[in-house]
């Protein structure tokens, strides 16, 4: 469903509403399957992302632990000037800090 939503640029309800019994492991399984699809399409992992690191944001979203993800080269819009929002499902701006390390 998430893959189809991205490809067709059609929003869907949050998975926790559609599948209230989904476990954290199940949710990460969905994430990894979609990362694998992107990698098969030529994307590359360029780092690691931790999210919901503050207790305030965890409380706001009703979770009790941070989450993580996989930044891909296709997600980096730095240096591109403008972003074609026609390629996005529900465009918004979220400020996040990223660090590029010189070595692992």
C-alpha atoms as a PDB file:
ATOM      1  CA  UNK A   1       0.000   0.000   0.000  1.00  0.00           C
ATOM      2  CA  UNK A   2       2.775   2.434   0.840  1.00  0.00           C
ATOM      3  CA  UNK A   3       4.656   1.602  -2.343  1.00  0.00           C
ATOM      4  CA  UNK A   4       1.527   2.108  -4.438  1.00  0.00           C
ATOM      5  CA  UNK A   5       0.769   5.375  -2.624  1.00  0.00           C
ATOM      6  CA  UNK A   6       4.234   6.665  -3.467  1.00  0.00           C
ATOM      7  CA  UNK A   7       4.156   5.522  -7.086  1.00  0.00           C
ATOM      8  CA  UNK A   8       0.683   6.951  -7.711  1.00  0.00           C
ATOM      9  CA  UNK A   9       1.213   9.962  -5.415  1.00  0.00           C
ATOM     10  CA  UNK A  10      -2.009   9.078  -3.603  1.00  0.00           C
ATOM     11  CA  UNK A  11      -2.164   9.622   0.180  1.00  0.00           C
ATOM     12  CA  UNK A  12      -3.392   6.771   2.378  1.00  0.00           C
ATOM     13  CA  UNK A  13      -4.386   6.617   6.019  1.00  0.00           C
ATOM     14  CA  UNK A  14      -1.571   5.877   8.468  1.00  0.00           C
ATOM     15  CA  UNK A  15      -0.782   2.174   8.700  1.00  0.00           C
ATOM     16  CA  UNK A  16      -1.340   2.169  12.467  1.00  0.00           C
ATOM     17  CA  UNK A  17      -4.967   3.124  11.755  1.00  0.00           C
ATOM     18  CA  UNK A  18      -5.388   0.541   8.995  1.00  0.00           C
ATOM     19  CA  UNK A  19      -3.566  -2.215  10.928  1.00  0.00           C
ATOM     20  CA  UNK A  20      -3.876  -1.446  14.653  1.00  0.00           C
ATOM     21  CA  UNK A  21      -2.318  -4.816  15.590  1.00  0.00           C
ATOM     22  CA  UNK A  22       0.837  -4.241  13.531  1.00  0.00           C
ATOM     23  CA  UNK A  23       3.974  -4.650  15.626  1.00  0.00           C
ATOM     24  CA  UNK A  24       7.051  -2.432  15.529  1.00  0.00           C
ATOM     25  CA  UNK A  25       8.928  -5.306  13.870  1.00  0.00           C
ATOM     26  CA  UNK A  26       6.169  -5.578  11.269  1.00  0.00           C
ATOM     27  CA  UNK A  27       6.325  -1.865  10.545  1.00  0.00           C
ATOM     28  CA  UNK A  28      10.099  -1.992  10.081  1.00  0.00           C
ATOM     29  CA  UNK A  29       9.587  -4.992   7.811  1.00  0.00           C
ATOM     30  CA  UNK A  30       7.347  -2.865   5.586  1.00  0.00           C
ATOM     31  CA  UNK A  31       9.954  -0.091   5.624  1.00  0.00           C
ATOM     32  CA  UNK A  32      12.774  -2.462   4.665  1.00  0.00           C
ATOM     33  CA  UNK A  33      10.767  -4.008   1.848  1.00  0.00           C
ATOM     34  CA  UNK A  34      10.206  -0.575   0.340  1.00  0.00           C
ATOM     35  CA  UNK A  35      13.862   0.399   0.834  1.00  0.00           C
ATOM     36  CA  UNK A  36      14.821  -2.802  -1.006  1.00  0.00           C
ATOM     37  CA  UNK A  37      12.503  -1.810  -3.870  1.00  0.00           C
ATOM     38  CA  UNK A  38      14.192   1.576  -4.119  1.00  0.00           C
ATOM     39  CA  UNK A  39      17.649  -0.018  -4.014  1.00  0.00           C
ATOM     40  CA  UNK A  40      16.625  -2.399  -6.805  1.00  0.00           C
ATOM     41  CA  UNK A  41      15.643   0.701  -8.786  1.00  0.00           C
ATOM     42  CA  UNK A  42      19.125   2.178  -8.450  1.00  0.00           C
ATOM     43  CA  UNK A  43      18.936   4.220  -5.239  1.00  0.00           C
ATOM     44  CA  UNK A  44      21.736   3.971  -2.702  1.00  0.00           C
ATOM     45  CA  UNK A  45      21.715   4.302   1.082  1.00  0.00           C
ATOM     46  CA  UNK A  46      23.712   7.391   2.038  1.00  0.00           C
ATOM     47  CA  UNK A  47      23.364   7.300   5.813  1.00  0.00           C
ATOM     48  CA  UNK A  48      21.217   6.431   8.804  1.00  0.00           C
ATOM     49  CA  UNK A  49      18.369   8.481  10.269  1.00  0.00           C
ATOM     50  CA  UNK A  50      17.123   8.573  13.828  1.00  0.00           C
ATOM     51  CA  UNK A  51      13.751  10.172  14.413  1.00  0.00           C
ATOM     52  CA  UNK A  52      11.472  11.031  17.294  1.00  0.00           C
ATOM     53  CA  UNK A  53      14.495  11.457  19.510  1.00  0.00           C
ATOM     54  CA  UNK A  54      12.825  13.848  21.940  1.00  0.00           C
ATOM     55  CA  UNK A  55      10.277  12.765  24.538  1.00  0.00           C
ATOM     56  CA  UNK A  56       8.102  15.725  23.510  1.00  0.00           C
ATOM     57  CA  UNK A  57       7.774  14.462  19.924  1.00  0.00           C
ATOM     58  CA  UNK A  58       7.269  10.875  21.081  1.00  0.00           C
ATOM     59  CA  UNK A  59       4.429  12.021  23.350  1.00  0.00           C
ATOM     60  CA  UNK A  60       2.915  14.136  20.578  1.00  0.00           C
ATOM     61  CA  UNK A  61       2.797  11.146  18.232  1.00  0.00           C
ATOM     62  CA  UNK A  62       1.900   8.558  20.863  1.00  0.00           C
ATOM     63  CA  UNK A  63       5.062   6.470  20.681  1.00  0.00           C
ATOM     64  CA  UNK A  64       7.505   5.459  23.390  1.00  0.00           C
ATOM     65  CA  UNK A  65      10.773   5.068  21.509  1.00  0.00           C
ATOM     66  CA  UNK A  66      12.773   6.704  18.718  1.00  0.00           C
ATOM     67  CA  UNK A  67      12.522   5.382  15.191  1.00  0.00           C
ATOM     68  CA  UNK A  68      15.076   4.984  12.424  1.00  0.00           C
ATOM     69  CA  UNK A  69      15.243   5.036   8.677  1.00  0.00           C
ATOM     70  CA  UNK A  70      17.447   4.920   5.628  1.00  0.00           C
ATOM     71  CA  UNK A  71      18.244   8.168   3.807  1.00  0.00           C
ATOM     72  CA  UNK A  72      18.709   7.473   0.117  1.00  0.00           C
ATOM     73  CA  UNK A  73      20.544   9.492  -2.503  1.00  0.00           C
ATOM     74  CA  UNK A  74      17.189  10.107  -4.204  1.00  0.00           C
ATOM     75  CA  UNK A  75      15.984  11.982  -1.104  1.00  0.00           C
ATOM     76  CA  UNK A  76      18.783  14.550  -1.183  1.00  0.00           C
ATOM     77  CA  UNK A  77      17.544  17.743  -2.799  1.00  0.00           C
ATOM     78  CA  UNK A  78      20.495  19.898  -1.760  1.00  0.00           C
ATOM     79  CA  UNK A  79      22.044  21.788  -4.617  1.00  0.00           C
ATOM     80  CA  UNK A  80      19.119  21.158  -6.963  1.00  0.00           C
ATOM     81  CA  UNK A  81      17.727  24.697  -6.785  1.00  0.00           C
ATOM     82  CA  UNK A  82      14.036  23.877  -6.994  1.00  0.00           C
ATOM     83  CA  UNK A  83      12.089  20.739  -6.210  1.00  0.00           C
ATOM     84  CA  UNK A  84       9.346  19.561  -8.577  1.00  0.00           C
ATOM     85  CA  UNK A  85       6.442  19.165  -6.131  1.00  0.00           C
ATOM     86  CA  UNK A  86       4.521  17.375  -8.871  1.00  0.00           C
ATOM     87  CA  UNK A  87       6.663  14.360  -8.004  1.00  0.00           C
ATOM     88  CA  UNK A  88       5.512  14.422  -4.373  1.00  0.00           C
ATOM     89  CA  UNK A  89       2.395  12.956  -2.774  1.00  0.00           C
ATOM     90  CA  UNK A  90       1.653  15.559  -0.114  1.00  0.00           C
ATOM     91  CA  UNK A  91       4.425  18.154  -0.185  1.00  0.00           C
ATOM     92  CA  UNK A  92       5.442  19.728   3.109  1.00  0.00           C
ATOM     93  CA  UNK A  93       8.638  21.002   4.622  1.00  0.00           C
ATOM     94  CA  UNK A  94      10.251  19.323   7.615  1.00  0.00           C
ATOM     95  CA  UNK A  95      13.520  20.708   8.836  1.00  0.00           C
ATOM     96  CA  UNK A  96      16.040  18.023   9.768  1.00  0.00           C
ATOM     97  CA  UNK A  97      19.729  18.156  10.446  1.00  0.00           C
ATOM     98  CA  UNK A  98      22.065  15.803   8.624  1.00  0.00           C
ATOM     99  CA  UNK A  99      25.760  15.182   9.011  1.00  0.00           C
ATOM    100  CA  UNK A 100      28.030  13.813   6.332  1.00  0.00           C
ATOM    101  CA  UNK A 101      30.890  11.843   7.855  1.00  0.00           C
ATOM    102  CA  UNK A 102      34.214  11.414   6.113  1.00  0.00           C
ATOM    103  CA  UNK A 103      34.585   7.823   7.298  1.00  0.00           C
ATOM    104  CA  UNK A 104      32.430   5.093   8.854  1.00  0.00           C
END
